[in-house]
Amino acid sequence: MRRLLGLWMLIFCVTFAQAKSHHGSKHASTILKPSHQSLLLQNEMINTMGLVRIGDERELSRMVERRELVALPNDDAVQIASSLPANRRYVLPMVNSFLVRLASEYYAEFHQPLTVDSAVRPVTVQKWLRRHNASAAPIHGETASSHEAGTTVDLSRRMTKAQTHWLEMRLTYYMGIGWVIVEEERRCFHIMTTKEIE
């Protein structure tokens, strides 16, 4: 665990230094930029937590029935994209807790909801996605998608510059205290929750 924490801190320090060196850039926050190291860390965390990768939609349904996965919130602070299929609107309970907290803070600031574009994604769905999106994460190996373990949500980046900046800063803070691993992609914030929130 100490080695894992050291790896995470190294990644954080390097990306923070890069962010400072690119201050004023028009691009997305460098500290949250997707990287190979981030994928390695996400998968190492999944292994450390002893989580399973959900193979198919039948296995996903069984986990929902056993309440190992819970439904995403859908209220004033969180809305779910209509494109997200009903049977994939689930995550691990700790992910739900973090999302509720983050969305409540965002709603208090802007009086608008965060939009969830993606949540749990079985291996079979990730395999289909790989055929249609060359940049999608692999289905197996040390850089596989964390969506397969139910640890991750993608939040839409359809928001103002002020809202984007606020969310970048808030997520950077939560990365700093070890609650999440975040990648700011072109269309979304990819957020993996790594522990129960305090």
N, C-alpha and C. Protein backbone atom coordinates (compact mmCIF):
# COMPACT_ATOMS: atom_id res chain seq x y z
N MET A 1 0.83 -1.20 0.00
CA MET A 1 0.00 0.00 0.00
C MET A 1 0.87 1.26 0.00
N ARG A 2 2.00 1.20 0.74
CA ARG A 2 2.91 2.35 0.79
C ARG A 2 3.50 2.62 -0.60
N ARG A 3 3.82 1.53 -1.34
CA ARG A 3 4.33 1.68 -2.70
C ARG A 3 3.29 2.34 -3.59
N LEU A 4 2.03 1.94 -3.43
CA LEU A 4 0.94 2.51 -4.23
C LEU A 4 0.76 3.99 -3.94
N LEU A 5 0.82 4.36 -2.66
CA LEU A 5 0.68 5.76 -2.28
C LEU A 5 1.84 6.58 -2.84
N GLY A 6 3.06 5.99 -2.79
CA GLY A 6 4.22 6.68 -3.32
C GLY A 6 4.10 6.92 -4.82
N LEU A 7 3.58 5.89 -5.54
CA LEU A 7 3.37 6.03 -6.98
C LEU A 7 2.36 7.13 -7.27
N TRP A 8 1.28 7.15 -6.51
CA TRP A 8 0.25 8.17 -6.71
C TRP A 8 0.80 9.57 -6.45
N MET A 9 1.57 9.73 -5.39
CA MET A 9 2.13 11.04 -5.06
C MET A 9 3.11 11.50 -6.14
N LEU A 10 3.88 10.56 -6.68
CA LEU A 10 4.82 10.91 -7.77
C LEU A 10 4.05 11.43 -8.98
N ILE A 11 2.99 10.71 -9.36
CA ILE A 11 2.17 11.15 -10.49
C ILE A 11 1.57 12.52 -10.22
N PHE A 12 1.07 12.70 -9.01
CA PHE A 12 0.43 13.98 -8.65
C PHE A 12 1.43 15.13 -8.74
N CYS A 13 2.64 14.92 -8.20
CA CYS A 13 3.64 15.99 -8.20
C CYS A 13 4.09 16.34 -9.62
N VAL A 14 4.29 15.31 -10.45
CA VAL A 14 4.71 15.56 -11.83
C VAL A 14 3.64 16.32 -12.59
N THR A 15 2.39 15.88 -12.47
CA THR A 15 1.32 16.55 -13.21
C THR A 15 1.07 17.94 -12.68
N PHE A 16 1.26 18.15 -11.37
CA PHE A 16 1.09 19.50 -10.81
C PHE A 16 2.15 20.43 -11.37
N ALA A 17 3.39 19.92 -11.46
CA ALA A 17 4.47 20.74 -12.04
C ALA A 17 4.18 21.07 -13.50
N GLN A 18 3.66 20.09 -14.24
CA GLN A 18 3.29 20.34 -15.63
C GLN A 18 2.19 21.39 -15.72
N ALA A 19 1.23 21.30 -14.81
CA ALA A 19 0.12 22.26 -14.82
C ALA A 19 0.63 23.67 -14.60
N LYS A 20 1.57 23.82 -13.67
CA LYS A 20 2.11 25.15 -13.39
C LYS A 20 2.89 25.68 -14.60
N SER A 21 3.60 24.77 -15.29
CA SER A 21 4.40 25.22 -16.43
C SER A 21 3.52 25.58 -17.62
N HIS A 22 2.27 25.12 -17.64
CA HIS A 22 1.35 25.43 -18.73
C HIS A 22 0.29 26.43 -18.29
N HIS A 23 0.54 27.15 -17.23
CA HIS A 23 -0.43 28.11 -16.73
C HIS A 23 -0.81 29.11 -17.83
N GLY A 24 -2.11 29.32 -17.98
CA GLY A 24 -2.58 30.24 -19.00
C GLY A 24 -2.92 29.56 -20.31
N SER A 25 -2.66 28.25 -20.40
CA SER A 25 -3.02 27.53 -21.62
C SER A 25 -4.52 27.48 -21.80
N LYS A 26 -4.98 27.45 -23.07
CA LYS A 26 -6.40 27.37 -23.35
C LYS A 26 -6.91 25.94 -23.23
N HIS A 27 -6.03 24.97 -23.06
CA HIS A 27 -6.44 23.57 -23.02
C HIS A 27 -6.96 23.20 -21.64
N ALA A 28 -7.50 21.96 -21.54
CA ALA A 28 -8.02 21.45 -20.27
C ALA A 28 -6.89 21.40 -19.24
N SER A 29 -7.28 21.36 -17.98
CA SER A 29 -6.34 21.31 -16.87
C SER A 29 -5.31 20.21 -17.08
N THR A 30 -4.03 20.57 -17.08
CA THR A 30 -2.97 19.58 -17.31
C THR A 30 -2.89 18.58 -16.18
N ILE A 31 -3.22 19.01 -14.98
CA ILE A 31 -3.13 18.11 -13.83
C ILE A 31 -4.10 16.94 -13.95
N LEU A 32 -5.18 17.12 -14.71
CA LEU A 32 -6.18 16.07 -14.86
C LEU A 32 -6.11 15.41 -16.24
N LYS A 33 -5.07 15.70 -16.98
CA LYS A 33 -4.92 15.17 -18.34
C LYS A 33 -4.78 13.65 -18.32
N PRO A 34 -5.49 12.94 -19.20
CA PRO A 34 -5.35 11.48 -19.27
C PRO A 34 -3.90 11.07 -19.53
N SER A 35 -3.50 9.96 -18.92
CA SER A 35 -2.13 9.47 -19.11
C SER A 35 -2.07 7.97 -18.91
N HIS A 36 -1.02 7.37 -19.43
CA HIS A 36 -0.77 5.94 -19.24
C HIS A 36 -0.60 5.64 -17.75
N GLN A 37 0.10 6.52 -17.05
CA GLN A 37 0.33 6.32 -15.61
C GLN A 37 -0.98 6.31 -14.83
N SER A 38 -1.91 7.16 -15.23
CA SER A 38 -3.20 7.20 -14.56
C SER A 38 -3.95 5.88 -14.73
N LEU A 39 -3.92 5.32 -15.94
CA LEU A 39 -4.58 4.04 -16.19
C LEU A 39 -3.93 2.93 -15.36
N LEU A 40 -2.60 2.94 -15.28
CA LEU A 40 -1.90 1.95 -14.46
C LEU A 40 -2.34 2.06 -13.00
N LEU A 41 -2.43 3.29 -12.51
CA LEU A 41 -2.81 3.51 -11.12
C LEU A 41 -4.25 3.07 -10.87
N GLN A 42 -5.15 3.38 -11.79
CA GLN A 42 -6.54 2.98 -11.63
C GLN A 42 -6.65 1.46 -11.51
N ASN A 43 -5.92 0.74 -12.36
CA ASN A 43 -5.97 -0.71 -12.32
C ASN A 43 -5.29 -1.29 -11.09
N GLU A 44 -4.23 -0.65 -10.65
CA GLU A 44 -3.57 -1.11 -9.42
C GLU A 44 -4.50 -0.92 -8.23
N MET A 45 -5.25 0.18 -8.21
CA MET A 45 -6.20 0.41 -7.13
C MET A 45 -7.33 -0.62 -7.16
N ILE A 46 -7.83 -0.95 -8.34
CA ILE A 46 -8.88 -1.97 -8.46
C ILE A 46 -8.39 -3.30 -7.90
N ASN A 47 -7.15 -3.66 -8.23
CA ASN A 47 -6.57 -4.90 -7.72
C ASN A 47 -6.37 -4.84 -6.21
N THR A 48 -5.88 -3.71 -5.70
CA THR A 48 -5.66 -3.55 -4.27
C THR A 48 -6.96 -3.67 -3.49
N MET A 49 -8.04 -3.12 -4.04
CA MET A 49 -9.35 -3.18 -3.37
C MET A 49 -10.03 -4.53 -3.54
N GLY A 50 -9.44 -5.40 -4.36
CA GLY A 50 -10.01 -6.73 -4.56
C GLY A 50 -11.33 -6.73 -5.31
N LEU A 51 -11.49 -5.77 -6.23
CA LEU A 51 -12.74 -5.65 -6.97
C LEU A 51 -12.74 -6.57 -8.20
N VAL A 52 -13.94 -6.97 -8.59
CA VAL A 52 -14.08 -7.81 -9.78
C VAL A 52 -14.42 -6.95 -10.98
N ARG A 53 -14.04 -7.42 -12.15
CA ARG A 53 -14.46 -6.79 -13.39
C ARG A 53 -15.72 -7.51 -13.87
N ILE A 54 -16.74 -6.75 -14.17
CA ILE A 54 -18.04 -7.31 -14.49
C ILE A 54 -18.02 -7.78 -15.94
N GLY A 55 -18.23 -9.09 -16.14
CA GLY A 55 -18.05 -9.68 -17.46
C GLY A 55 -19.12 -9.33 -18.47
N ASP A 56 -20.38 -9.40 -18.04
CA ASP A 56 -21.47 -9.17 -18.98
C ASP A 56 -22.68 -8.63 -18.24
N GLU A 57 -23.76 -8.39 -18.97
CA GLU A 57 -24.94 -7.76 -18.39
C GLU A 57 -25.67 -8.69 -17.43
N ARG A 58 -25.54 -10.00 -17.60
CA ARG A 58 -26.14 -10.93 -16.65
C ARG A 58 -25.46 -10.83 -15.29
N GLU A 59 -24.14 -10.77 -15.30
CA GLU A 59 -23.39 -10.60 -14.05
C GLU A 59 -23.70 -9.25 -13.41
N LEU A 60 -23.83 -8.22 -14.24
CA LEU A 60 -24.20 -6.89 -13.74
C LEU A 60 -25.54 -6.96 -13.02
N SER A 61 -26.54 -7.63 -13.62
CA SER A 61 -27.87 -7.74 -13.01
C SER A 61 -27.81 -8.46 -11.67
N ARG A 62 -26.99 -9.50 -11.58
CA ARG A 62 -26.85 -10.23 -10.31
C ARG A 62 -26.26 -9.33 -9.23
N MET A 63 -25.29 -8.51 -9.59
CA MET A 63 -24.68 -7.60 -8.61
C MET A 63 -25.67 -6.53 -8.16
N VAL A 64 -26.55 -6.10 -9.06
CA VAL A 64 -27.60 -5.14 -8.68
C VAL A 64 -28.57 -5.80 -7.72
N GLU A 65 -28.96 -7.03 -8.00
CA GLU A 65 -29.88 -7.77 -7.13
C GLU A 65 -29.29 -7.96 -5.74
N ARG A 66 -27.98 -8.19 -5.66
CA ARG A 66 -27.31 -8.38 -4.36
C ARG A 66 -26.94 -7.05 -3.72
N ARG A 67 -27.28 -5.93 -4.38
CA ARG A 67 -26.99 -4.58 -3.92
C ARG A 67 -25.49 -4.32 -3.78
N GLU A 68 -24.69 -5.03 -4.56
CA GLU A 68 -23.27 -4.73 -4.64
C GLU A 68 -23.07 -3.49 -5.51
N LEU A 69 -24.02 -3.26 -6.41
CA LEU A 69 -24.09 -2.04 -7.20
C LEU A 69 -25.41 -1.35 -6.87
N VAL A 70 -25.37 -0.01 -6.80
CA VAL A 70 -26.58 0.75 -6.47
C VAL A 70 -26.88 1.74 -7.58
N ALA A 71 -28.15 2.14 -7.65
CA ALA A 71 -28.58 3.06 -8.70
C ALA A 71 -27.98 4.44 -8.51
N LEU A 72 -27.65 5.08 -9.61
CA LEU A 72 -27.19 6.46 -9.57
C LEU A 72 -28.31 7.36 -9.04
N PRO A 73 -27.95 8.43 -8.33
CA PRO A 73 -28.98 9.40 -7.95
C PRO A 73 -29.51 10.10 -9.20
N ASN A 74 -30.74 10.57 -9.13
CA ASN A 74 -31.33 11.29 -10.25
C ASN A 74 -32.28 12.32 -9.64
N ASP A 75 -31.72 13.51 -9.33
CA ASP A 75 -32.48 14.51 -8.58
C ASP A 75 -32.07 15.91 -9.04
N ASP A 76 -32.28 16.91 -8.19
CA ASP A 76 -31.93 18.27 -8.56
C ASP A 76 -30.44 18.45 -8.83
N ALA A 77 -29.59 17.68 -8.12
CA ALA A 77 -28.15 17.86 -8.21
C ALA A 77 -27.48 16.93 -9.22
N VAL A 78 -28.14 15.83 -9.57
CA VAL A 78 -27.57 14.87 -10.52
C VAL A 78 -28.63 14.51 -11.55
N GLN A 79 -28.27 14.65 -12.81
CA GLN A 79 -29.15 14.14 -13.86
C GLN A 79 -28.38 13.11 -14.67
N ILE A 80 -29.11 12.16 -15.24
CA ILE A 80 -28.50 11.08 -16.00
C ILE A 80 -28.79 11.31 -17.48
N ALA A 81 -27.76 11.24 -18.30
CA ALA A 81 -27.92 11.44 -19.74
C ALA A 81 -28.91 10.42 -20.29
N SER A 82 -29.80 10.87 -21.14
CA SER A 82 -30.82 9.97 -21.71
C SER A 82 -30.18 8.86 -22.54
N SER A 83 -28.97 9.08 -23.03
CA SER A 83 -28.27 8.07 -23.83
C SER A 83 -27.72 6.91 -23.01
N LEU A 84 -27.69 7.05 -21.69
CA LEU A 84 -27.14 5.99 -20.83
C LEU A 84 -28.23 4.94 -20.58
N PRO A 85 -28.03 3.70 -21.04
CA PRO A 85 -29.06 2.67 -20.86
C PRO A 85 -29.41 2.44 -19.39
N ALA A 86 -30.67 2.14 -19.14
CA ALA A 86 -31.17 1.98 -17.77
C ALA A 86 -30.41 0.91 -16.99
N ASN A 87 -30.00 -0.16 -17.66
CA ASN A 87 -29.32 -1.24 -16.94
C ASN A 87 -27.86 -0.94 -16.65
N ARG A 88 -27.35 0.24 -17.10
CA ARG A 88 -25.97 0.62 -16.79
C ARG A 88 -25.91 1.88 -15.94
N ARG A 89 -27.00 2.20 -15.28
CA ARG A 89 -27.04 3.38 -14.40
C ARG A 89 -26.76 2.98 -12.95
N TYR A 90 -25.67 2.22 -12.78
CA TYR A 90 -25.31 1.68 -11.47
C TYR A 90 -23.82 1.86 -11.21
N VAL A 91 -23.47 1.92 -9.93
CA VAL A 91 -22.08 2.04 -9.50
C VAL A 91 -21.93 1.38 -8.13
N LEU A 92 -20.70 1.24 -7.67
CA LEU A 92 -20.46 0.80 -6.30
C LEU A 92 -21.00 1.85 -5.32
N PRO A 93 -21.44 1.43 -4.13
CA PRO A 93 -21.97 2.40 -3.15
C PRO A 93 -21.04 3.56 -2.85
N MET A 94 -19.72 3.30 -2.76
CA MET A 94 -18.80 4.39 -2.44
C MET A 94 -18.74 5.43 -3.55
N VAL A 95 -18.95 5.00 -4.79
CA VAL A 95 -18.98 5.93 -5.92
C VAL A 95 -20.21 6.82 -5.81
N ASN A 96 -21.33 6.20 -5.47
CA ASN A 96 -22.57 6.94 -5.30
C ASN A 96 -22.43 8.01 -4.21
N SER A 97 -21.81 7.63 -3.10
CA SER A 97 -21.62 8.57 -1.99
C SER A 97 -20.78 9.76 -2.42
N PHE A 98 -19.70 9.49 -3.17
CA PHE A 98 -18.86 10.59 -3.62
C PHE A 98 -19.61 11.48 -4.61
N LEU A 99 -20.35 10.86 -5.53
CA LEU A 99 -21.09 11.64 -6.52
C LEU A 99 -22.12 12.54 -5.86
N VAL A 100 -22.82 12.02 -4.86
CA VAL A 100 -23.81 12.83 -4.14
C VAL A 100 -23.14 14.03 -3.48
N ARG A 101 -21.99 13.81 -2.88
CA ARG A 101 -21.26 14.91 -2.22
C ARG A 101 -20.82 15.96 -3.23
N LEU A 102 -20.17 15.51 -4.32
CA LEU A 102 -19.67 16.44 -5.32
C LEU A 102 -20.81 17.22 -5.97
N ALA A 103 -21.87 16.52 -6.33
CA ALA A 103 -23.00 17.16 -7.00
C ALA A 103 -23.70 18.16 -6.08
N SER A 104 -23.78 17.84 -4.80
CA SER A 104 -24.39 18.77 -3.84
C SER A 104 -23.59 20.06 -3.75
N GLU A 105 -22.26 19.93 -3.74
CA GLU A 105 -21.40 21.11 -3.70
C GLU A 105 -21.55 21.94 -4.98
N TYR A 106 -21.60 21.24 -6.11
CA TYR A 106 -21.75 21.92 -7.40
C TYR A 106 -23.10 22.63 -7.48
N TYR A 107 -24.14 21.95 -7.02
CA TYR A 107 -25.48 22.55 -7.06
C TYR A 107 -25.57 23.77 -6.16
N ALA A 108 -24.93 23.70 -4.99
CA ALA A 108 -24.92 24.84 -4.06
C ALA A 108 -24.24 26.05 -4.69
N GLU A 109 -23.26 25.79 -5.55
CA GLU A 109 -22.50 26.88 -6.19
C GLU A 109 -23.23 27.44 -7.42
N PHE A 110 -23.81 26.55 -8.24
CA PHE A 110 -24.33 26.97 -9.54
C PHE A 110 -25.83 26.76 -9.74
N HIS A 111 -26.48 26.06 -8.81
CA HIS A 111 -27.92 25.77 -8.92
C HIS A 111 -28.25 25.04 -10.21
N GLN A 112 -27.33 24.19 -10.63
CA GLN A 112 -27.52 23.33 -11.80
C GLN A 112 -26.98 21.94 -11.47
N PRO A 113 -27.51 20.91 -12.12
CA PRO A 113 -27.04 19.55 -11.83
C PRO A 113 -25.79 19.18 -12.63
N LEU A 114 -25.07 18.20 -12.13
CA LEU A 114 -24.04 17.53 -12.91
C LEU A 114 -24.72 16.44 -13.72
N THR A 115 -24.21 16.18 -14.92
CA THR A 115 -24.81 15.16 -15.79
C THR A 115 -23.88 13.96 -15.91
N VAL A 116 -24.40 12.78 -15.58
CA VAL A 116 -23.64 11.53 -15.70
C VAL A 116 -23.85 10.96 -17.09
N ASP A 117 -22.76 10.83 -17.85
CA ASP A 117 -22.81 10.28 -19.21
C ASP A 117 -22.59 8.77 -19.24
N SER A 118 -21.83 8.27 -18.25
CA SER A 118 -21.49 6.85 -18.24
C SER A 118 -21.21 6.40 -16.81
N ALA A 119 -21.51 5.13 -16.53
CA ALA A 119 -21.25 4.57 -15.20
C ALA A 119 -20.66 3.17 -15.39
N VAL A 120 -21.28 2.15 -14.77
CA VAL A 120 -20.74 0.79 -14.91
C VAL A 120 -20.80 0.36 -16.37
N ARG A 121 -19.76 -0.37 -16.77
CA ARG A 121 -19.67 -0.80 -18.17
C ARG A 121 -19.06 -2.20 -18.20
N PRO A 122 -19.87 -3.24 -18.39
CA PRO A 122 -19.32 -4.60 -18.43
C PRO A 122 -18.28 -4.77 -19.53
N VAL A 123 -17.47 -5.81 -19.39
CA VAL A 123 -16.43 -6.10 -20.37
C VAL A 123 -17.01 -6.22 -21.77
N THR A 124 -18.18 -6.85 -21.91
CA THR A 124 -18.79 -7.01 -23.23
C THR A 124 -19.10 -5.66 -23.89
N VAL A 125 -19.55 -4.70 -23.08
CA VAL A 125 -19.85 -3.36 -23.61
C VAL A 125 -18.56 -2.63 -23.97
N GLN A 126 -17.53 -2.76 -23.11
CA GLN A 126 -16.25 -2.13 -23.40
C GLN A 126 -15.64 -2.69 -24.68
N LYS A 127 -15.83 -3.99 -24.89
CA LYS A 127 -15.34 -4.63 -26.11
C LYS A 127 -16.02 -4.02 -27.34
N TRP A 128 -17.34 -3.83 -27.26
CA TRP A 128 -18.07 -3.19 -28.36
C TRP A 128 -17.59 -1.77 -28.58
N LEU A 129 -17.37 -1.04 -27.46
CA LEU A 129 -16.92 0.34 -27.54
C LEU A 129 -15.56 0.44 -28.22
N ARG A 130 -14.67 -0.51 -27.92
CA ARG A 130 -13.34 -0.52 -28.53
C ARG A 130 -13.41 -0.65 -30.05
N ARG A 131 -14.42 -1.36 -30.54
CA ARG A 131 -14.56 -1.52 -31.98
C ARG A 131 -15.00 -0.24 -32.67
N HIS A 132 -15.64 0.66 -31.90
CA HIS A 132 -16.19 1.89 -32.46
C HIS A 132 -15.44 3.15 -32.04
N ASN A 133 -14.51 3.01 -31.09
CA ASN A 133 -13.77 4.16 -30.59
C ASN A 133 -12.33 3.73 -30.32
N ALA A 134 -11.44 4.11 -31.18
CA ALA A 134 -10.04 3.67 -31.09
C ALA A 134 -9.35 4.15 -29.81
N SER A 135 -9.85 5.23 -29.21
CA SER A 135 -9.21 5.76 -28.00
C SER A 135 -9.77 5.16 -26.71
N ALA A 136 -10.77 4.28 -26.81
CA ALA A 136 -11.34 3.65 -25.62
C ALA A 136 -10.31 2.73 -24.97
N ALA A 137 -10.36 2.63 -23.64
CA ALA A 137 -9.41 1.80 -22.90
C ALA A 137 -9.60 0.32 -23.25
N PRO A 138 -8.54 -0.48 -23.10
CA PRO A 138 -8.64 -1.92 -23.37
C PRO A 138 -9.62 -2.61 -22.42
N ILE A 139 -10.00 -3.85 -22.78
CA ILE A 139 -10.92 -4.60 -21.92
C ILE A 139 -10.17 -5.42 -20.87
N HIS A 140 -8.89 -5.69 -21.10
CA HIS A 140 -8.08 -6.47 -20.16
C HIS A 140 -6.71 -5.82 -19.99
N GLY A 141 -5.97 -6.29 -19.00
CA GLY A 141 -4.60 -5.84 -18.82
C GLY A 141 -4.46 -4.68 -17.85
N GLU A 142 -3.24 -4.17 -17.77
CA GLU A 142 -2.90 -3.18 -16.74
C GLU A 142 -3.43 -1.79 -17.04
N THR A 143 -3.99 -1.59 -18.25
CA THR A 143 -4.59 -0.29 -18.57
C THR A 143 -6.06 -0.43 -18.95
N ALA A 144 -6.71 -1.48 -18.47
CA ALA A 144 -8.12 -1.72 -18.78
C ALA A 144 -9.01 -0.63 -18.19
N SER A 145 -10.23 -0.53 -18.73
CA SER A 145 -11.17 0.49 -18.27
C SER A 145 -11.64 0.22 -16.83
N SER A 146 -11.60 1.26 -16.00
CA SER A 146 -12.09 1.13 -14.62
C SER A 146 -13.61 1.08 -14.55
N HIS A 147 -14.30 1.43 -15.64
CA HIS A 147 -15.76 1.32 -15.67
C HIS A 147 -16.20 -0.12 -15.45
N GLU A 148 -15.37 -1.08 -15.84
CA GLU A 148 -15.72 -2.50 -15.73
C GLU A 148 -15.86 -2.96 -14.29
N ALA A 149 -15.30 -2.21 -13.35
CA ALA A 149 -15.38 -2.58 -11.94
C ALA A 149 -16.44 -1.79 -11.18
N GLY A 150 -17.17 -0.91 -11.87
CA GLY A 150 -18.22 -0.13 -11.22
C GLY A 150 -17.71 1.00 -10.35
N THR A 151 -16.43 1.35 -10.53
CA THR A 151 -15.79 2.36 -9.68
C THR A 151 -15.86 3.77 -10.25
N THR A 152 -16.42 3.90 -11.47
CA THR A 152 -16.19 5.12 -12.25
C THR A 152 -17.46 5.70 -12.86
N VAL A 153 -17.52 7.03 -12.87
CA VAL A 153 -18.54 7.74 -13.63
C VAL A 153 -17.87 8.75 -14.55
N ASP A 154 -18.52 9.02 -15.66
CA ASP A 154 -18.09 10.11 -16.55
C ASP A 154 -19.11 11.23 -16.42
N LEU A 155 -18.62 12.44 -16.12
CA LEU A 155 -19.49 13.60 -16.01
C LEU A 155 -19.32 14.48 -17.24
N SER A 156 -20.42 14.92 -17.80
CA SER A 156 -20.39 15.75 -19.00
C SER A 156 -19.64 17.05 -18.76
N ARG A 157 -18.88 17.48 -19.78
CA ARG A 157 -18.19 18.77 -19.73
C ARG A 157 -18.99 19.87 -20.41
N ARG A 158 -20.25 19.64 -20.67
CA ARG A 158 -21.10 20.69 -21.24
C ARG A 158 -21.48 21.67 -20.14
N MET A 159 -20.60 22.63 -19.94
CA MET A 159 -20.78 23.62 -18.88
C MET A 159 -19.98 24.86 -19.23
N THR A 160 -20.19 25.92 -18.47
CA THR A 160 -19.48 27.17 -18.73
C THR A 160 -18.02 27.03 -18.30
N LYS A 161 -17.20 28.02 -18.72
CA LYS A 161 -15.79 28.03 -18.30
C LYS A 161 -15.67 28.13 -16.79
N ALA A 162 -16.52 28.93 -16.17
CA ALA A 162 -16.48 29.09 -14.71
C ALA A 162 -16.83 27.77 -14.02
N GLN A 163 -17.82 27.07 -14.55
CA GLN A 163 -18.21 25.79 -13.96
C GLN A 163 -17.11 24.75 -14.16
N THR A 164 -16.51 24.75 -15.35
CA THR A 164 -15.41 23.81 -15.62
C THR A 164 -14.24 24.07 -14.69
N HIS A 165 -13.88 25.34 -14.52
CA HIS A 165 -12.76 25.68 -13.64
C HIS A 165 -13.07 25.26 -12.20
N TRP A 166 -14.28 25.53 -11.74
CA TRP A 166 -14.66 25.15 -10.36
C TRP A 166 -14.53 23.65 -10.19
N LEU A 167 -15.03 22.88 -11.17
CA LEU A 167 -14.99 21.43 -11.06
C LEU A 167 -13.56 20.90 -11.13
N GLU A 168 -12.74 21.50 -11.99
CA GLU A 168 -11.32 21.11 -12.04
C GLU A 168 -10.66 21.30 -10.68
N MET A 169 -10.89 22.45 -10.06
CA MET A 169 -10.26 22.74 -8.77
C MET A 169 -10.77 21.80 -7.68
N ARG A 170 -12.08 21.53 -7.70
CA ARG A 170 -12.66 20.65 -6.68
C ARG A 170 -12.14 19.23 -6.84
N LEU A 171 -12.09 18.76 -8.06
CA LEU A 171 -11.62 17.40 -8.30
C LEU A 171 -10.13 17.27 -8.02
N THR A 172 -9.37 18.31 -8.30
CA THR A 172 -7.94 18.29 -7.96
C THR A 172 -7.75 18.16 -6.46
N TYR A 173 -8.59 18.86 -5.70
CA TYR A 173 -8.54 18.74 -4.23
C TYR A 173 -8.84 17.30 -3.81
N TYR A 174 -9.89 16.72 -4.36
CA TYR A 174 -10.27 15.36 -3.97
C TYR A 174 -9.23 14.34 -4.42
N MET A 175 -8.54 14.61 -5.53
CA MET A 175 -7.41 13.76 -5.91
C MET A 175 -6.30 13.88 -4.87
N GLY A 176 -6.06 15.11 -4.42
CA GLY A 176 -4.99 15.37 -3.47
C GLY A 176 -5.16 14.65 -2.14
N ILE A 177 -6.41 14.44 -1.73
CA ILE A 177 -6.64 13.74 -0.45
C ILE A 177 -6.90 12.25 -0.67
N GLY A 178 -6.76 11.80 -1.94
CA GLY A 178 -6.80 10.37 -2.21
C GLY A 178 -8.17 9.74 -2.35
N TRP A 179 -9.20 10.54 -2.60
CA TRP A 179 -10.54 9.98 -2.74
C TRP A 179 -10.84 9.52 -4.15
N VAL A 180 -10.22 10.15 -5.14
CA VAL A 180 -10.53 9.86 -6.54
C VAL A 180 -9.28 9.92 -7.40
N ILE A 181 -9.39 9.33 -8.59
CA ILE A 181 -8.44 9.51 -9.67
C ILE A 181 -9.26 10.09 -10.82
N VAL A 182 -8.79 11.19 -11.39
CA VAL A 182 -9.58 11.92 -12.38
C VAL A 182 -8.79 12.11 -13.66
N GLU A 183 -9.49 11.94 -14.79
CA GLU A 183 -8.94 12.30 -16.08
C GLU A 183 -9.93 13.23 -16.77
N GLU A 184 -9.46 14.40 -17.18
CA GLU A 184 -10.32 15.34 -17.88
C GLU A 184 -10.18 15.09 -19.38
N GLU A 185 -11.19 14.45 -19.94
CA GLU A 185 -11.18 14.14 -21.35
C GLU A 185 -11.89 15.24 -22.14
N ARG A 186 -11.92 15.10 -23.44
CA ARG A 186 -12.47 16.16 -24.29
C ARG A 186 -13.94 16.43 -23.99
N ARG A 187 -14.70 15.37 -23.74
CA ARG A 187 -16.14 15.53 -23.53
C ARG A 187 -16.60 15.27 -22.10
N CYS A 188 -15.71 14.77 -21.27
CA CYS A 188 -16.17 14.40 -19.91
C CYS A 188 -15.04 14.44 -18.89
N PHE A 189 -15.44 14.42 -17.63
CA PHE A 189 -14.54 14.16 -16.52
C PHE A 189 -14.71 12.69 -16.15
N HIS A 190 -13.65 11.91 -16.30
CA HIS A 190 -13.65 10.49 -15.95
C HIS A 190 -13.19 10.42 -14.48
N ILE A 191 -14.08 9.97 -13.60
CA ILE A 191 -13.79 10.02 -12.16
C ILE A 191 -13.91 8.63 -11.55
N MET A 192 -12.79 8.11 -11.08
CA MET A 192 -12.78 6.83 -10.37
C MET A 192 -12.68 7.10 -8.87
N THR A 193 -13.63 6.59 -8.11
CA THR A 193 -13.58 6.71 -6.65
C THR A 193 -12.72 5.58 -6.11
N THR A 194 -11.80 5.90 -5.19
CA THR A 194 -10.83 4.94 -4.71
C THR A 194 -11.01 4.52 -3.25
N LYS A 195 -11.92 5.19 -2.54
CA LYS A 195 -12.13 4.84 -1.12
C LYS A 195 -13.46 5.40 -0.66
N GLU A 196 -13.92 4.89 0.48
CA GLU A 196 -15.11 5.45 1.11
C GLU A 196 -14.82 6.86 1.55
N ILE A 197 -15.74 7.78 1.28
CA ILE A 197 -15.50 9.17 1.69
C ILE A 197 -15.72 9.30 3.18
N GLU A 198 -15.03 10.28 3.78
CA GLU A 198 -15.10 10.46 5.24
C GLU A 198 -16.12 11.52 5.60
